[in-house]
Amino acid sequence: ALAAAPGSPERDRYMFRDGLGEDG
């Protein structure tokens, strides 16, 4: 998951989300 891109199937196994604020 860490090696993959946001929105990838690898990250979807965990609870990855974009941050809030101007730059996340």
PDB file of all heavy atoms in Angstrom:
ATOM      1  N   ALA A   1       0.826  -1.209   0.000  1.00  0.00           N
ATOM      2  CA  ALA A   1       0.000   0.000   0.000  1.00  0.00           C
ATOM      3  C   ALA A   1       0.860   1.259   0.000  1.00  0.00           C
ATOM      4  O   ALA A   1       0.556   2.234  -0.706  1.00  0.00           O
ATOM      5  CB  ALA A   1      -0.935  -0.007   1.203  1.00  0.00           C
ATOM      6  N   LEU A   2       1.930   1.263   0.782  1.00  0.00           N
ATOM      7  CA  LEU A   2       2.804   2.435   0.843  1.00  0.00           C
ATOM      8  C   LEU A   2       3.515   2.666  -0.487  1.00  0.00           C
ATOM      9  O   LEU A   2       3.784   3.827  -0.864  1.00  0.00           O
ATOM     10  CB  LEU A   2       3.836   2.262   1.952  1.00  0.00           C
ATOM     11  CG  LEU A   2       3.313   2.273   3.392  1.00  0.00           C
ATOM     12  CD1 LEU A   2       4.461   2.073   4.364  1.00  0.00           C
ATOM     13  CD2 LEU A   2       2.573   3.571   3.697  1.00  0.00           C
ATOM     14  N   ALA A   3       3.794   1.580  -1.204  1.00  0.00           N
ATOM     15  CA  ALA A   3       4.486   1.705  -2.484  1.00  0.00           C
ATOM     16  C   ALA A   3       3.544   2.061  -3.621  1.00  0.00           C
ATOM     17  O   ALA A   3       3.997   2.486  -4.702  1.00  0.00           O
ATOM     18  CB  ALA A   3       5.215   0.398  -2.807  1.00  0.00           C
ATOM     19  N   ALA A   4       2.239   1.915  -3.405  1.00  0.00           N
ATOM     20  CA  ALA A   4       1.243   2.145  -4.456  1.00  0.00           C
ATOM     21  C   ALA A   4       0.719   3.581  -4.393  1.00  0.00           C
ATOM     22  O   ALA A   4       0.981   4.337  -3.455  1.00  0.00           O
ATOM     23  CB  ALA A   4       0.110   1.147  -4.335  1.00  0.00           C
ATOM     24  N   ALA A   5      -0.060   3.939  -5.401  1.00  0.00           N
ATOM     25  CA  ALA A   5      -0.596   5.301  -5.501  1.00  0.00           C
ATOM     26  C   ALA A   5      -1.924   5.422  -4.772  1.00  0.00           C
ATOM     27  O   ALA A   5      -2.620   4.422  -4.552  1.00  0.00           O
ATOM     28  CB  ALA A   5      -0.780   5.653  -6.973  1.00  0.00           C
ATOM     29  N   PRO A   6      -2.292   6.643  -4.382  1.00  0.00           N
ATOM     30  CA  PRO A   6      -3.630   6.857  -3.824  1.00  0.00           C
ATOM     31  C   PRO A   6      -4.700   6.337  -4.776  1.00  0.00           C
ATOM     32  O   PRO A   6      -4.588   6.468  -5.997  1.00  0.00           O
ATOM     33  CB  PRO A   6      -3.703   8.390  -3.679  1.00  0.00           C
ATOM     34  CG  PRO A   6      -2.278   8.814  -3.512  1.00  0.00           C
ATOM     35  CD  PRO A   6      -1.479   7.878  -4.387  1.00  0.00           C
ATOM     36  N   GLY A   7      -5.720   5.695  -4.204  1.00  0.00           N
ATOM     37  CA  GLY A   7      -6.803   5.143  -5.009  1.00  0.00           C
ATOM     38  C   GLY A   7      -6.516   3.778  -5.594  1.00  0.00           C
ATOM     39  O   GLY A   7      -7.360   3.205  -6.286  1.00  0.00           O
ATOM     40  N   SER A   8      -5.362   3.208  -5.299  1.00  0.00           N
ATOM     41  CA  SER A   8      -4.974   1.915  -5.858  1.00  0.00           C
ATOM     42  C   SER A   8      -5.665   0.784  -5.115  1.00  0.00           C
ATOM     43  O   SER A   8      -6.096   0.931  -3.970  1.00  0.00           O
ATOM     44  CB  SER A   8      -3.458   1.745  -5.767  1.00  0.00           C
ATOM     45  OG  SER A   8      -3.055   1.731  -4.399  1.00  0.00           O
ATOM     46  N   PRO A   9      -5.751  -0.405  -5.751  1.00  0.00           N
ATOM     47  CA  PRO A   9      -6.311  -1.571  -5.048  1.00  0.00           C
ATOM     48  C   PRO A   9      -5.520  -1.917  -3.787  1.00  0.00           C
ATOM     49  O   PRO A   9      -6.092  -2.405  -2.812  1.00  0.00           O
ATOM     50  CB  PRO A   9      -6.213  -2.682  -6.090  1.00  0.00           C
ATOM     51  CG  PRO A   9      -6.202  -1.979  -7.405  1.00  0.00           C
ATOM     52  CD  PRO A   9      -5.471  -0.688  -7.168  1.00  0.00           C
ATOM     53  N   GLU A  10      -4.199  -1.686  -3.801  1.00  0.00           N
ATOM     54  CA  GLU A  10      -3.386  -1.990  -2.634  1.00  0.00           C
ATOM     55  C   GLU A  10      -3.784  -1.121  -1.441  1.00  0.00           C
ATOM     56  O   GLU A  10      -3.838  -1.598  -0.300  1.00  0.00           O
ATOM     57  CB  GLU A  10      -1.911  -1.797  -2.958  1.00  0.00           C
ATOM     58  CG  GLU A  10      -1.344  -2.813  -3.934  1.00  0.00           C
ATOM     59  CD  GLU A  10      -1.621  -2.456  -5.398  1.00  0.00           C
ATOM     60  OE1 GLU A  10      -2.261  -1.402  -5.659  1.00  0.00           O
ATOM     61  OE2 GLU A  10      -1.202  -3.228  -6.274  1.00  0.00           O
ATOM     62  N   ARG A  11      -4.050   0.139  -1.696  1.00  0.00           N
ATOM     63  CA  ARG A  11      -4.438   1.023  -0.587  1.00  0.00           C
ATOM     64  C   ARG A  11      -5.871   0.771  -0.118  1.00  0.00           C
ATOM     65  O   ARG A  11      -6.210   1.038   1.030  1.00  0.00           O
ATOM     66  CB  ARG A  11      -4.263   2.489  -0.984  1.00  0.00           C
ATOM     67  CG  ARG A  11      -2.809   2.879  -1.075  1.00  0.00           C
ATOM     68  CD  ARG A  11      -2.536   4.326  -0.849  1.00  0.00           C
ATOM     69  NE  ARG A  11      -1.102   4.577  -0.809  1.00  0.00           N
ATOM     70  CZ  ARG A  11      -0.539   5.766  -0.688  1.00  0.00           C
ATOM     71  NH1 ARG A  11      -1.312   6.856  -0.595  1.00  0.00           N
ATOM     72  NH2 ARG A  11       0.773   5.899  -0.659  1.00  0.00           N
ATOM     73  N   ASP A  12      -6.692   0.217  -1.000  1.00  0.00           N
ATOM     74  CA  ASP A  12      -8.087  -0.010  -0.630  1.00  0.00           C
ATOM     75  C   ASP A  12      -8.239  -1.122   0.395  1.00  0.00           C
ATOM     76  O   ASP A  12      -9.294  -1.276   0.993  1.00  0.00           O
ATOM     77  CB  ASP A  12      -8.914  -0.349  -1.882  1.00  0.00           C
ATOM     78  CG  ASP A  12     -10.407  -0.370  -1.589  1.00  0.00           C
ATOM     79  OD1 ASP A  12     -10.937   0.662  -1.113  1.00  0.00           O
ATOM     80  OD2 ASP A  12     -11.038  -1.423  -1.795  1.00  0.00           O
ATOM     81  N   ARG A  13      -7.186  -1.909   0.639  1.00  0.00           N
ATOM     82  CA  ARG A  13      -7.264  -2.915   1.692  1.00  0.00           C
ATOM     83  C   ARG A  13      -7.238  -2.272   3.085  1.00  0.00           C
ATOM     84  O   ARG A  13      -7.572  -2.917   4.074  1.00  0.00           O
ATOM     85  CB  ARG A  13      -6.085  -3.882   1.577  1.00  0.00           C
ATOM     86  CG  ARG A  13      -6.037  -4.701   0.296  1.00  0.00           C
ATOM     87  CD  ARG A  13      -4.664  -5.345   0.191  1.00  0.00           C
ATOM     88  NE  ARG A  13      -4.491  -6.192  -0.978  1.00  0.00           N
ATOM     89  CZ  ARG A  13      -3.305  -6.456  -1.521  1.00  0.00           C
ATOM     90  NH1 ARG A  13      -2.206  -5.929  -0.998  1.00  0.00           N
ATOM     91  NH2 ARG A  13      -3.215  -7.236  -2.567  1.00  0.00           N
ATOM     92  N   TYR A  14      -6.783  -1.032   3.157  1.00  0.00           N
ATOM     93  CA  TYR A  14      -6.696  -0.292   4.415  1.00  0.00           C
ATOM     94  C   TYR A  14      -7.569   0.954   4.331  1.00  0.00           C
ATOM     95  O   TYR A  14      -8.280   1.166   3.355  1.00  0.00           O
ATOM     96  CB  TYR A  14      -5.235   0.066   4.712  1.00  0.00           C
ATOM     97  CG  TYR A  14      -4.372  -1.136   4.998  1.00  0.00           C
ATOM     98  CD1 TYR A  14      -3.675  -1.780   3.968  1.00  0.00           C
ATOM     99  CD2 TYR A  14      -4.252  -1.653   6.282  1.00  0.00           C
ATOM    100  CE1 TYR A  14      -2.898  -2.901   4.226  1.00  0.00           C
ATOM    101  CE2 TYR A  14      -3.470  -2.766   6.549  1.00  0.00           C
ATOM    102  CZ  TYR A  14      -2.799  -3.395   5.515  1.00  0.00           C
ATOM    103  OH  TYR A  14      -2.037  -4.495   5.775  1.00  0.00           O
ATOM    104  N   MET A  15      -7.504   1.786   5.358  1.00  0.00           N
ATOM    105  CA  MET A  15      -8.351   2.977   5.438  1.00  0.00           C
ATOM    106  C   MET A  15      -7.509   4.220   5.141  1.00  0.00           C
ATOM    107  O   MET A  15      -7.199   5.026   6.026  1.00  0.00           O
ATOM    108  CB  MET A  15      -8.989   3.067   6.822  1.00  0.00           C
ATOM    109  CG  MET A  15      -9.784   1.847   7.248  1.00  0.00           C
ATOM    110  SD  MET A  15     -11.310   1.617   6.316  1.00  0.00           S
ATOM    111  CE  MET A  15     -12.306   2.954   6.954  1.00  0.00           C
ATOM    112  N   PHE A  16      -7.112   4.375   3.890  1.00  0.00           N
ATOM    113  CA  PHE A  16      -6.379   5.563   3.449  1.00  0.00           C
ATOM    114  C   PHE A  16      -7.369   6.650   3.041  1.00  0.00           C
ATOM    115  O   PHE A  16      -8.373   6.376   2.379  1.00  0.00           O
ATOM    116  CB  PHE A  16      -5.474   5.235   2.267  1.00  0.00           C
ATOM    117  CG  PHE A  16      -4.170   4.599   2.655  1.00  0.00           C
ATOM    118  CD1 PHE A  16      -4.066   3.223   2.813  1.00  0.00           C
ATOM    119  CD2 PHE A  16      -3.046   5.386   2.851  1.00  0.00           C
ATOM    120  CE1 PHE A  16      -2.859   2.639   3.173  1.00  0.00           C
ATOM    121  CE2 PHE A  16      -1.833   4.810   3.206  1.00  0.00           C
ATOM    122  CZ  PHE A  16      -1.742   3.435   3.366  1.00  0.00           C
ATOM    123  N   ARG A  17      -7.073   7.888   3.421  1.00  0.00           N
ATOM    124  CA  ARG A  17      -7.913   9.020   3.058  1.00  0.00           C
ATOM    125  C   ARG A  17      -7.046  10.251   2.833  1.00  0.00           C
ATOM    126  O   ARG A  17      -5.965  10.395   3.418  1.00  0.00           O
ATOM    127  CB  ARG A  17      -8.936   9.342   4.164  1.00  0.00           C
ATOM    128  CG  ARG A  17      -9.976   8.255   4.415  1.00  0.00           C
ATOM    129  CD  ARG A  17     -10.929   8.074   3.255  1.00  0.00           C
ATOM    130  NE  ARG A  17     -11.996   7.121   3.542  1.00  0.00           N
ATOM    131  CZ  ARG A  17     -11.912   5.810   3.382  1.00  0.00           C
ATOM    132  NH1 ARG A  17     -10.773   5.267   2.932  1.00  0.00           N
ATOM    133  NH2 ARG A  17     -12.941   5.024   3.656  1.00  0.00           N
ATOM    134  N   ASP A  18      -7.557  11.165   1.998  1.00  0.00           N
ATOM    135  CA  ASP A  18      -6.901  12.460   1.831  1.00  0.00           C
ATOM    136  C   ASP A  18      -7.111  13.299   3.075  1.00  0.00           C
ATOM    137  O   ASP A  18      -8.153  13.210   3.733  1.00  0.00           O
ATOM    138  CB  ASP A  18      -7.466  13.191   0.615  1.00  0.00           C
ATOM    139  CG  ASP A  18      -7.145  12.493  -0.701  1.00  0.00           C
ATOM    140  OD1 ASP A  18      -6.083  11.828  -0.769  1.00  0.00           O
ATOM    141  OD2 ASP A  18      -7.948  12.602  -1.645  1.00  0.00           O
ATOM    142  N   GLY A  19      -6.140  14.136   3.380  1.00  0.00           N
ATOM    143  CA  GLY A  19      -6.258  15.001   4.538  1.00  0.00           C
ATOM    144  C   GLY A  19      -7.091  16.235   4.254  1.00  0.00           C
ATOM    145  O   GLY A  19      -7.416  16.546   3.103  1.00  0.00           O
ATOM    146  N   LEU A  20      -7.429  16.948   5.304  1.00  0.00           N
ATOM    147  CA  LEU A  20      -8.158  18.210   5.199  1.00  0.00           C
ATOM    148  C   LEU A  20      -7.165  19.367   5.183  1.00  0.00           C
ATOM    149  O   LEU A  20      -5.967  19.188   5.403  1.00  0.00           O
ATOM    150  CB  LEU A  20      -9.120  18.348   6.380  1.00  0.00           C
ATOM    151  CG  LEU A  20     -10.132  17.207   6.570  1.00  0.00           C
ATOM    152  CD1 LEU A  20     -10.991  17.461   7.816  1.00  0.00           C
ATOM    153  CD2 LEU A  20     -10.994  17.012   5.342  1.00  0.00           C
ATOM    154  N   GLY A  21      -7.681  20.569   4.956  1.00  0.00           N
ATOM    155  CA  GLY A  21      -6.807  21.729   4.896  1.00  0.00           C
ATOM    156  C   GLY A  21      -6.346  22.003   3.472  1.00  0.00           C
ATOM    157  O   GLY A  21      -6.531  21.192   2.555  1.00  0.00           O
ATOM    158  N   GLU A  22      -5.684  23.119   3.292  1.00  0.00           N
ATOM    159  CA  GLU A  22      -5.284  23.556   1.952  1.00  0.00           C
ATOM    160  C   GLU A  22      -4.366  22.548   1.271  1.00  0.00           C
ATOM    161  O   GLU A  22      -4.466  22.296   0.068  1.00  0.00           O
ATOM    162  CB  GLU A  22      -4.587  24.913   2.059  1.00  0.00           C
ATOM    163  CG  GLU A  22      -4.237  25.519   0.711  1.00  0.00           C
ATOM    164  CD  GLU A  22      -3.670  26.922   0.853  1.00  0.00           C
ATOM    165  OE1 GLU A  22      -3.779  27.502   1.940  1.00  0.00           O
ATOM    166  OE2 GLU A  22      -3.093  27.418  -0.142  1.00  0.00           O
ATOM    167  N   ASP A  23      -3.460  21.970   2.031  1.00  0.00           N
ATOM    168  CA  ASP A  23      -2.499  21.029   1.457  1.00  0.00           C
ATOM    169  C   ASP A  23      -2.655  19.617   2.021  1.00  0.00           C
ATOM    170  O   ASP A  23      -1.720  18.825   1.986  1.00  0.00           O
ATOM    171  CB  ASP A  23      -1.078  21.526   1.721  1.00  0.00           C
ATOM    172  CG  ASP A  23      -0.805  22.866   1.061  1.00  0.00           C
ATOM    173  OD1 ASP A  23      -1.114  22.995  -0.137  1.00  0.00           O
ATOM    174  OD2 ASP A  23      -0.295  23.765   1.755  1.00  0.00           O
ATOM    175  N   GLY A  24      -3.849  19.327   2.572  1.00  0.00           N
ATOM    176  CA  GLY A  24      -4.066  18.002   3.148  1.00  0.00           C
ATOM    177  C   GLY A  24      -3.270  17.763   4.403  1.00  0.00           C
ATOM    178  O   GLY A  24      -3.000  16.616   4.775  1.00  0.00           O
TER     179      GLY A  24
END
